[in-house]
Amino acid sequence: ISRDNAKNTVYLQMNSLRPEDTAVYYCHREA
């Protein structure tokens, strides 16, 4: 997980993906 605050963007780099990773992925701001 990483963030670029200047671009107001959060990233999730996913490598070596497995079938068990299949899902709907959601972004969340805690505040």
All heavy atoms as atom14 arrays in JSON, in Angstrom:
{
  "sequence": "ISRDNAKNTVYLQMNSLRPEDTAVYYCHREA",
  "atom14_mask": [
    [1, 1, 1, 1, 1, 1, 1, 1, 0, 0, 0, 0, 0, 0],
    [1, 1, 1, 1, 1, 1, 0, 0, 0, 0, 0, 0, 0, 0],
    [1, 1, 1, 1, 1, 1, 1, 1, 1, 1, 1, 0, 0, 0],
    [1, 1, 1, 1, 1, 1, 1, 1, 0, 0, 0, 0, 0, 0],
    [1, 1, 1, 1, 1, 1, 1, 1, 0, 0, 0, 0, 0, 0],
    [1, 1, 1, 1, 1, 0, 0, 0, 0, 0, 0, 0, 0, 0],
    [1, 1, 1, 1, 1, 1, 1, 1, 1, 0, 0, 0, 0, 0],
    [1, 1, 1, 1, 1, 1, 1, 1, 0, 0, 0, 0, 0, 0],
    [1, 1, 1, 1, 1, 1, 1, 0, 0, 0, 0, 0, 0, 0],
    [1, 1, 1, 1, 1, 1, 1, 0, 0, 0, 0, 0, 0, 0],
    [1, 1, 1, 1, 1, 1, 1, 1, 1, 1, 1, 1, 0, 0],
    [1, 1, 1, 1, 1, 1, 1, 1, 0, 0, 0, 0, 0, 0],
    [1, 1, 1, 1, 1, 1, 1, 1, 1, 0, 0, 0, 0, 0],
    [1, 1, 1, 1, 1, 1, 1, 1, 0, 0, 0, 0, 0, 0],
    [1, 1, 1, 1, 1, 1, 1, 1, 0, 0, 0, 0, 0, 0],
    [1, 1, 1, 1, 1, 1, 0, 0, 0, 0, 0, 0, 0, 0],
    [1, 1, 1, 1, 1, 1, 1, 1, 0, 0, 0, 0, 0, 0],
    [1, 1, 1, 1, 1, 1, 1, 1, 1, 1, 1, 0, 0, 0],
    [1, 1, 1, 1, 1, 1, 1, 0, 0, 0, 0, 0, 0, 0],
    [1, 1, 1, 1, 1, 1, 1, 1, 1, 0, 0, 0, 0, 0],
    [1, 1, 1, 1, 1, 1, 1, 1, 0, 0, 0, 0, 0, 0],
    [1, 1, 1, 1, 1, 1, 1, 0, 0, 0, 0, 0, 0, 0],
    [1, 1, 1, 1, 1, 0, 0, 0, 0, 0, 0, 0, 0, 0],
    [1, 1, 1, 1, 1, 1, 1, 0, 0, 0, 0, 0, 0, 0],
    [1, 1, 1, 1, 1, 1, 1, 1, 1, 1, 1, 1, 0, 0],
    [1, 1, 1, 1, 1, 1, 1, 1, 1, 1, 1, 1, 0, 0],
    [1, 1, 1, 1, 1, 1, 0, 0, 0, 0, 0, 0, 0, 0],
    [1, 1, 1, 1, 1, 1, 1, 1, 1, 1, 0, 0, 0, 0],
    [1, 1, 1, 1, 1, 1, 1, 1, 1, 1, 1, 0, 0, 0],
    [1, 1, 1, 1, 1, 1, 1, 1, 1, 0, 0, 0, 0, 0],
    [1, 1, 1, 1, 1, 0, 0, 0, 0, 0, 0, 0, 0, 0]
  ],
  "atom14_positions": [
    [[0.85, -1.18, 0.0], [0.0, 0.0, 0.0], [0.89, 1.24, 0.0], [1.92, 1.28, 0.67], [-0.97, 0.0, 1.2], [-1.97, 1.16, 1.1], [-0.22, 0.04, 2.53], [-3.09, 1.1, 2.14], [0.0, 0.0, 0.0], [0.0, 0.0, 0.0], [0.0, 0.0, 0.0], [0.0, 0.0, 0.0], [0.0, 0.0, 0.0], [0.0, 0.0, 0.0]],
    [[0.5, 2.23, -0.76], [1.25, 3.48, -0.82], [0.29, 4.62, -1.08], [-0.88, 4.41, -1.39], [2.34, 3.42, -1.9], [1.77, 3.24, -3.18], [0.0, 0.0, 0.0], [0.0, 0.0, 0.0], [0.0, 0.0, 0.0], [0.0, 0.0, 0.0], [0.0, 0.0, 0.0], [0.0, 0.0, 0.0], [0.0, 0.0, 0.0], [0.0, 0.0, 0.0]],
    [[0.8, 5.83, -0.96], [-0.05, 7.0, -1.18], [0.74, 8.1, -1.84], [1.94, 8.25, -1.65], [-0.65, 7.48, 0.15], [0.37, 7.99, 1.16], [-0.21, 8.03, 2.56], [-1.4, 8.86, 2.64], [-2.31, 8.79, 3.61], [-2.17, 7.89, 4.59], [-3.35, 9.6, 3.61], [0.0, 0.0, 0.0], [0.0, 0.0, 0.0], [0.0, 0.0, 0.0]],
    [[0.04, 8.88, -2.64], [0.58, 10.08, -3.25], [-0.37, 11.2, -2.87], [-1.4, 11.41, -3.51], [0.69, 9.94, -4.76], [1.4, 11.12, -5.41], [1.42, 12.22, -4.83], [1.95, 10.94, -6.52], [0.0, 0.0, 0.0], [0.0, 0.0, 0.0], [0.0, 0.0, 0.0], [0.0, 0.0, 0.0], [0.0, 0.0, 0.0], [0.0, 0.0, 0.0]],
    [[-0.04, 11.91, -1.8], [-0.94, 12.92, -1.28], [-1.16, 14.07, -2.26], [-2.24, 14.65, -2.3], [-0.42, 13.46, 0.05], [-0.46, 12.41, 1.15], [-1.3, 11.51, 1.13], [0.44, 12.54, 2.11], [0.0, 0.0, 0.0], [0.0, 0.0, 0.0], [0.0, 0.0, 0.0], [0.0, 0.0, 0.0], [0.0, 0.0, 0.0], [0.0, 0.0, 0.0]],
    [[-0.14, 14.39, -3.05], [-0.28, 15.45, -4.03], [-1.33, 15.12, -5.07], [-1.95, 16.01, -5.65], [1.07, 15.74, -4.69], [0.0, 0.0, 0.0], [0.0, 0.0, 0.0], [0.0, 0.0, 0.0], [0.0, 0.0, 0.0], [0.0, 0.0, 0.0], [0.0, 0.0, 0.0], [0.0, 0.0, 0.0], [0.0, 0.0, 0.0], [0.0, 0.0, 0.0]],
    [[-1.5, 13.84, -5.35], [-2.49, 13.39, -6.32], [-3.78, 12.9, -5.68], [-4.68, 12.44, -6.37], [-1.91, 12.28, -7.2], [-0.74, 12.71, -8.06], [-0.24, 11.56, -8.92], [0.92, 11.99, -9.8], [1.43, 10.87, -10.64], [0.0, 0.0, 0.0], [0.0, 0.0, 0.0], [0.0, 0.0, 0.0], [0.0, 0.0, 0.0], [0.0, 0.0, 0.0]],
    [[-3.84, 12.99, -4.35], [-5.02, 12.51, -3.61], [-5.36, 11.07, -4.0], [-6.52, 10.73, -4.22], [-6.22, 13.41, -3.85], [-6.27, 14.59, -2.9], [-5.59, 14.63, -1.88], [-7.08, 15.58, -3.23], [0.0, 0.0, 0.0], [0.0, 0.0, 0.0], [0.0, 0.0, 0.0], [0.0, 0.0, 0.0], [0.0, 0.0, 0.0], [0.0, 0.0, 0.0]],
    [[-4.34, 10.24, -4.05], [-4.52, 8.87, -4.51], [-3.8, 7.89, -3.61], [-2.67, 8.15, -3.18], [-4.02, 8.71, -5.95], [-4.72, 9.63, -6.8], [-4.26, 7.31, -6.46], [0.0, 0.0, 0.0], [0.0, 0.0, 0.0], [0.0, 0.0, 0.0], [0.0, 0.0, 0.0], [0.0, 0.0, 0.0], [0.0, 0.0, 0.0], [0.0, 0.0, 0.0]],
    [[-4.45, 6.78, -3.34], [-3.87, 5.66, -2.61], [-3.79, 4.47, -3.57], [-4.71, 4.25, -4.36], [-4.7, 5.3, -1.37], [-4.11, 4.1, -0.65], [-4.77, 6.49, -0.42], [0.0, 0.0, 0.0], [0.0, 0.0, 0.0], [0.0, 0.0, 0.0], [0.0, 0.0, 0.0], [0.0, 0.0, 0.0], [0.0, 0.0, 0.0], [0.0, 0.0, 0.0]],
    [[-2.71, 3.72, -3.48], [-2.49, 2.6, -4.38], [-2.37, 1.29, -3.6], [-1.98, 1.26, -2.44], [-1.2, 2.79, -5.18], [-1.15, 4.07, -5.98], [-0.51, 5.2, -5.47], [-1.75, 4.15, -7.23], [-0.46, 6.37, -6.19], [-1.7, 5.33, -7.96], [-1.06, 6.43, -7.43], [-1.02, 7.6, -8.16], [0.0, 0.0, 0.0], [0.0, 0.0, 0.0]],
    [[-2.71, 0.22, -4.28], [-2.44, -1.11, -3.77], [-1.78, -1.9, -4.89], [-2.44, -2.28, -5.86], [-3.71, -1.82, -3.3], [-3.49, -3.19, -2.66], [-2.75, -3.04, -1.32], [-4.81, -3.93, -2.45], [0.0, 0.0, 0.0], [0.0, 0.0, 0.0], [0.0, 0.0, 0.0], [0.0, 0.0, 0.0], [0.0, 0.0, 0.0], [0.0, 0.0, 0.0]],
    [[-0.48, -2.11, -4.78], [0.25, -2.93, -5.73], [0.12, -4.38, -5.32], [0.49, -4.74, -4.2], [1.72, -2.52, -5.78], [2.58, -3.35, -6.73], [2.2, -3.16, -8.18], [2.01, -2.02, -8.62], [2.06, -4.24, -8.92], [0.0, 0.0, 0.0], [0.0, 0.0, 0.0], [0.0, 0.0, 0.0], [0.0, 0.0, 0.0], [0.0, 0.0, 0.0]],
    [[-0.4, -5.21, -6.2], [-0.64, -6.61, -5.91], [0.2, -7.47, -6.85], [0.01, -7.43, -8.06], [-2.12, -6.95, -6.06], [-3.04, -6.05, -5.23], [-4.78, -6.57, -5.3], [-5.12, -6.31, -7.05], [0.0, 0.0, 0.0], [0.0, 0.0, 0.0], [0.0, 0.0, 0.0], [0.0, 0.0, 0.0], [0.0, 0.0, 0.0], [0.0, 0.0, 0.0]],
    [[1.12, -8.22, -6.28], [1.98, -9.1, -7.04], [1.73, -10.55, -6.65], [1.16, -10.84, -5.6], [3.46, -8.76, -6.79], [3.82, -7.36, -7.22], [3.3, -6.84, -8.21], [4.73, -6.73, -6.48], [0.0, 0.0, 0.0], [0.0, 0.0, 0.0], [0.0, 0.0, 0.0], [0.0, 0.0, 0.0], [0.0, 0.0, 0.0], [0.0, 0.0, 0.0]],
    [[2.17, -11.45, -7.49], [2.04, -12.89, -7.23], [0.61, -13.25, -6.85], [0.36, -13.95, -5.86], [3.01, -13.32, -6.13], [4.35, -13.04, -6.49], [0.0, 0.0, 0.0], [0.0, 0.0, 0.0], [0.0, 0.0, 0.0], [0.0, 0.0, 0.0], [0.0, 0.0, 0.0], [0.0, 0.0, 0.0], [0.0, 0.0, 0.0], [0.0, 0.0, 0.0]],
    [[-0.32, -12.77, -7.63], [-1.73, -12.96, -7.32], [-2.13, -14.44, -7.36], [-1.62, -15.21, -8.17], [-2.6, -12.15, -8.27], [-2.64, -10.65, -7.95], [-3.15, -9.87, -9.14], [-3.52, -10.4, -6.73], [0.0, 0.0, 0.0], [0.0, 0.0, 0.0], [0.0, 0.0, 0.0], [0.0, 0.0, 0.0], [0.0, 0.0, 0.0], [0.0, 0.0, 0.0]],
    [[-3.02, -14.78, -6.48], [-3.53, -16.14, -6.34], [-5.04, -16.14, -6.51], [-5.7, -15.13, -6.27], [-3.19, -16.7, -4.95], [-1.72, -16.63, -4.59], [-1.52, -16.86, -3.11], [-0.12, -16.81, -2.72], [0.31, -16.78, -1.48], [-0.56, -16.81, -0.46], [1.61, -16.73, -1.23], [0.0, 0.0, 0.0], [0.0, 0.0, 0.0], [0.0, 0.0, 0.0]],
    [[-5.63, -17.27, -6.9], [-7.09, -17.33, -7.03], [-7.82, -16.91, -5.76], [-8.9, -16.32, -5.83], [-7.35, -18.8, -7.37], [-6.12, -19.22, -8.1], [-4.99, -18.51, -7.41], [0.0, 0.0, 0.0], [0.0, 0.0, 0.0], [0.0, 0.0, 0.0], [0.0, 0.0, 0.0], [0.0, 0.0, 0.0], [0.0, 0.0, 0.0], [0.0, 0.0, 0.0]],
    [[-7.25, -17.17, -4.6], [-7.86, -16.8, -3.33], [-7.91, -15.29, -3.13], [-8.59, -14.81, -2.21], [-7.11, -17.45, -2.17], [-5.68, -16.98, -2.01], [-4.81, -17.93, -1.21], [-4.59, -19.07, -1.67], [-4.37, -17.54, -0.11], [0.0, 0.0, 0.0], [0.0, 0.0, 0.0], [0.0, 0.0, 0.0], [0.0, 0.0, 0.0], [0.0, 0.0, 0.0]],
    [[-7.21, -14.53, -3.95], [-7.27, -13.07, -3.89], [-8.5, -12.51, -4.6], [-8.75, -11.31, -4.53], [-6.01, -12.45, -4.49], [-4.75, -12.79, -3.72], [-4.79, -12.78, -2.48], [-3.71, -13.05, -4.37], [0.0, 0.0, 0.0], [0.0, 0.0, 0.0], [0.0, 0.0, 0.0], [0.0, 0.0, 0.0], [0.0, 0.0, 0.0], [0.0, 0.0, 0.0]],
    [[-9.23, -13.36, -5.3], [-10.41, -12.92, -6.02], [-11.44, -12.33, -5.05], [-11.84, -12.98, -4.09], [-11.04, -14.09, -6.79], [-10.13, -14.53, -7.8], [-12.35, -13.67, -7.45], [0.0, 0.0, 0.0], [0.0, 0.0, 0.0], [0.0, 0.0, 0.0], [0.0, 0.0, 0.0], [0.0, 0.0, 0.0], [0.0, 0.0, 0.0], [0.0, 0.0, 0.0]],
    [[-11.84, -11.09, -5.3], [-12.75, -10.38, -4.42], [-13.05, -9.02, -5.01], [-12.42, -8.59, -5.99], [-12.15, -10.21, -3.02], [0.0, 0.0, 0.0], [0.0, 0.0, 0.0], [0.0, 0.0, 0.0], [0.0, 0.0, 0.0], [0.0, 0.0, 0.0], [0.0, 0.0, 0.0], [0.0, 0.0, 0.0], [0.0, 0.0, 0.0], [0.0, 0.0, 0.0]],
    [[-14.01, -8.33, -4.41], [-14.21, -6.92, -4.67], [-13.35, -6.16, -3.68], [-13.43, -6.4, -2.47], [-15.68, -6.5, -4.54], [-15.83, -5.0, -4.76], [-16.54, -7.27, -5.54], [0.0, 0.0, 0.0], [0.0, 0.0, 0.0], [0.0, 0.0, 0.0], [0.0, 0.0, 0.0], [0.0, 0.0, 0.0], [0.0, 0.0, 0.0], [0.0, 0.0, 0.0]],
    [[-12.54, -5.26, -4.17], [-11.63, -4.49, -3.34], [-12.17, -3.09, -3.13], [-12.56, -2.41, -4.08], [-10.24, -4.44, -3.97], [-9.48, -5.73, -3.82], [-9.85, -6.86, -4.54], [-8.4, -5.83, -2.94], [-9.18, -8.06, -4.38], [-7.72, -7.03, -2.78], [-8.11, -8.14, -3.51], [-7.43, -9.33, -3.34], [0.0, 0.0, 0.0], [0.0, 0.0, 0.0]],
    [[-12.16, -2.65, -1.87], [-12.72, -1.37, -1.49], [-11.67, -0.47, -0.85], [-10.88, -0.93, -0.01], [-13.86, -1.54, -0.47], [-15.04, -2.33, -0.98], [-15.09, -3.7, -0.82], [-16.1, -1.68, -1.6], [-16.18, -4.43, -1.27], [-17.19, -2.4, -2.05], [-17.22, -3.77, -1.88], [-18.31, -4.48, -2.33], [0.0, 0.0, 0.0], [0.0, 0.0, 0.0]],
    [[-11.7, 0.79, -1.2], [-10.87, 1.8, -0.57], [-11.64, 2.42, 0.59], [-12.87, 2.58, 0.52], [-10.5, 2.87, -1.61], [-9.44, 4.2, -1.01], [0.0, 0.0, 0.0], [0.0, 0.0, 0.0], [0.0, 0.0, 0.0], [0.0, 0.0, 0.0], [0.0, 0.0, 0.0], [0.0, 0.0, 0.0], [0.0, 0.0, 0.0], [0.0, 0.0, 0.0]],
    [[-10.93, 2.77, 1.65], [-11.58, 3.28, 2.85], [-10.75, 4.39, 3.48], [-9.53, 4.26, 3.6], [-11.75, 2.14, 3.86], [-12.36, 2.55, 5.16], [-13.65, 3.03, 5.26], [-11.87, 2.53, 6.43], [-13.93, 3.28, 6.52], [-12.87, 2.99, 7.25], [0.0, 0.0, 0.0], [0.0, 0.0, 0.0], [0.0, 0.0, 0.0], [0.0, 0.0, 0.0]],
    [[-11.4, 5.49, 3.83], [-10.77, 6.54, 4.64], [-11.34, 6.44, 6.04], [-12.55, 6.57, 6.24], [-11.01, 7.94, 4.06], [-10.05, 8.98, 4.65], [-10.35, 10.39, 4.19], [-11.28, 11.05, 5.09], [-11.62, 12.33, 5.03], [-11.11, 13.1, 4.07], [-12.47, 12.85, 5.9], [0.0, 0.0, 0.0], [0.0, 0.0, 0.0], [0.0, 0.0, 0.0]],
    [[-10.47, 6.23, 7.01], [-10.93, 6.0, 8.36], [-11.64, 7.22, 8.93], [-12.7, 7.08, 9.56], [-9.77, 5.58, 9.27], [-9.24, 4.2, 8.93], [-8.18, 3.72, 9.9], [-7.85, 4.46, 10.85], [-7.68, 2.6, 9.7], [0.0, 0.0, 0.0], [0.0, 0.0, 0.0], [0.0, 0.0, 0.0], [0.0, 0.0, 0.0], [0.0, 0.0, 0.0]],
    [[-11.09, 8.41, 8.75], [-11.74, 9.62, 9.22], [-13.0, 9.85, 8.39], [-12.95, 10.05, 7.19], [-10.8, 10.82, 9.09], [0.0, 0.0, 0.0], [0.0, 0.0, 0.0], [0.0, 0.0, 0.0], [0.0, 0.0, 0.0], [0.0, 0.0, 0.0], [0.0, 0.0, 0.0], [0.0, 0.0, 0.0], [0.0, 0.0, 0.0], [0.0, 0.0, 0.0]]
  ]
}
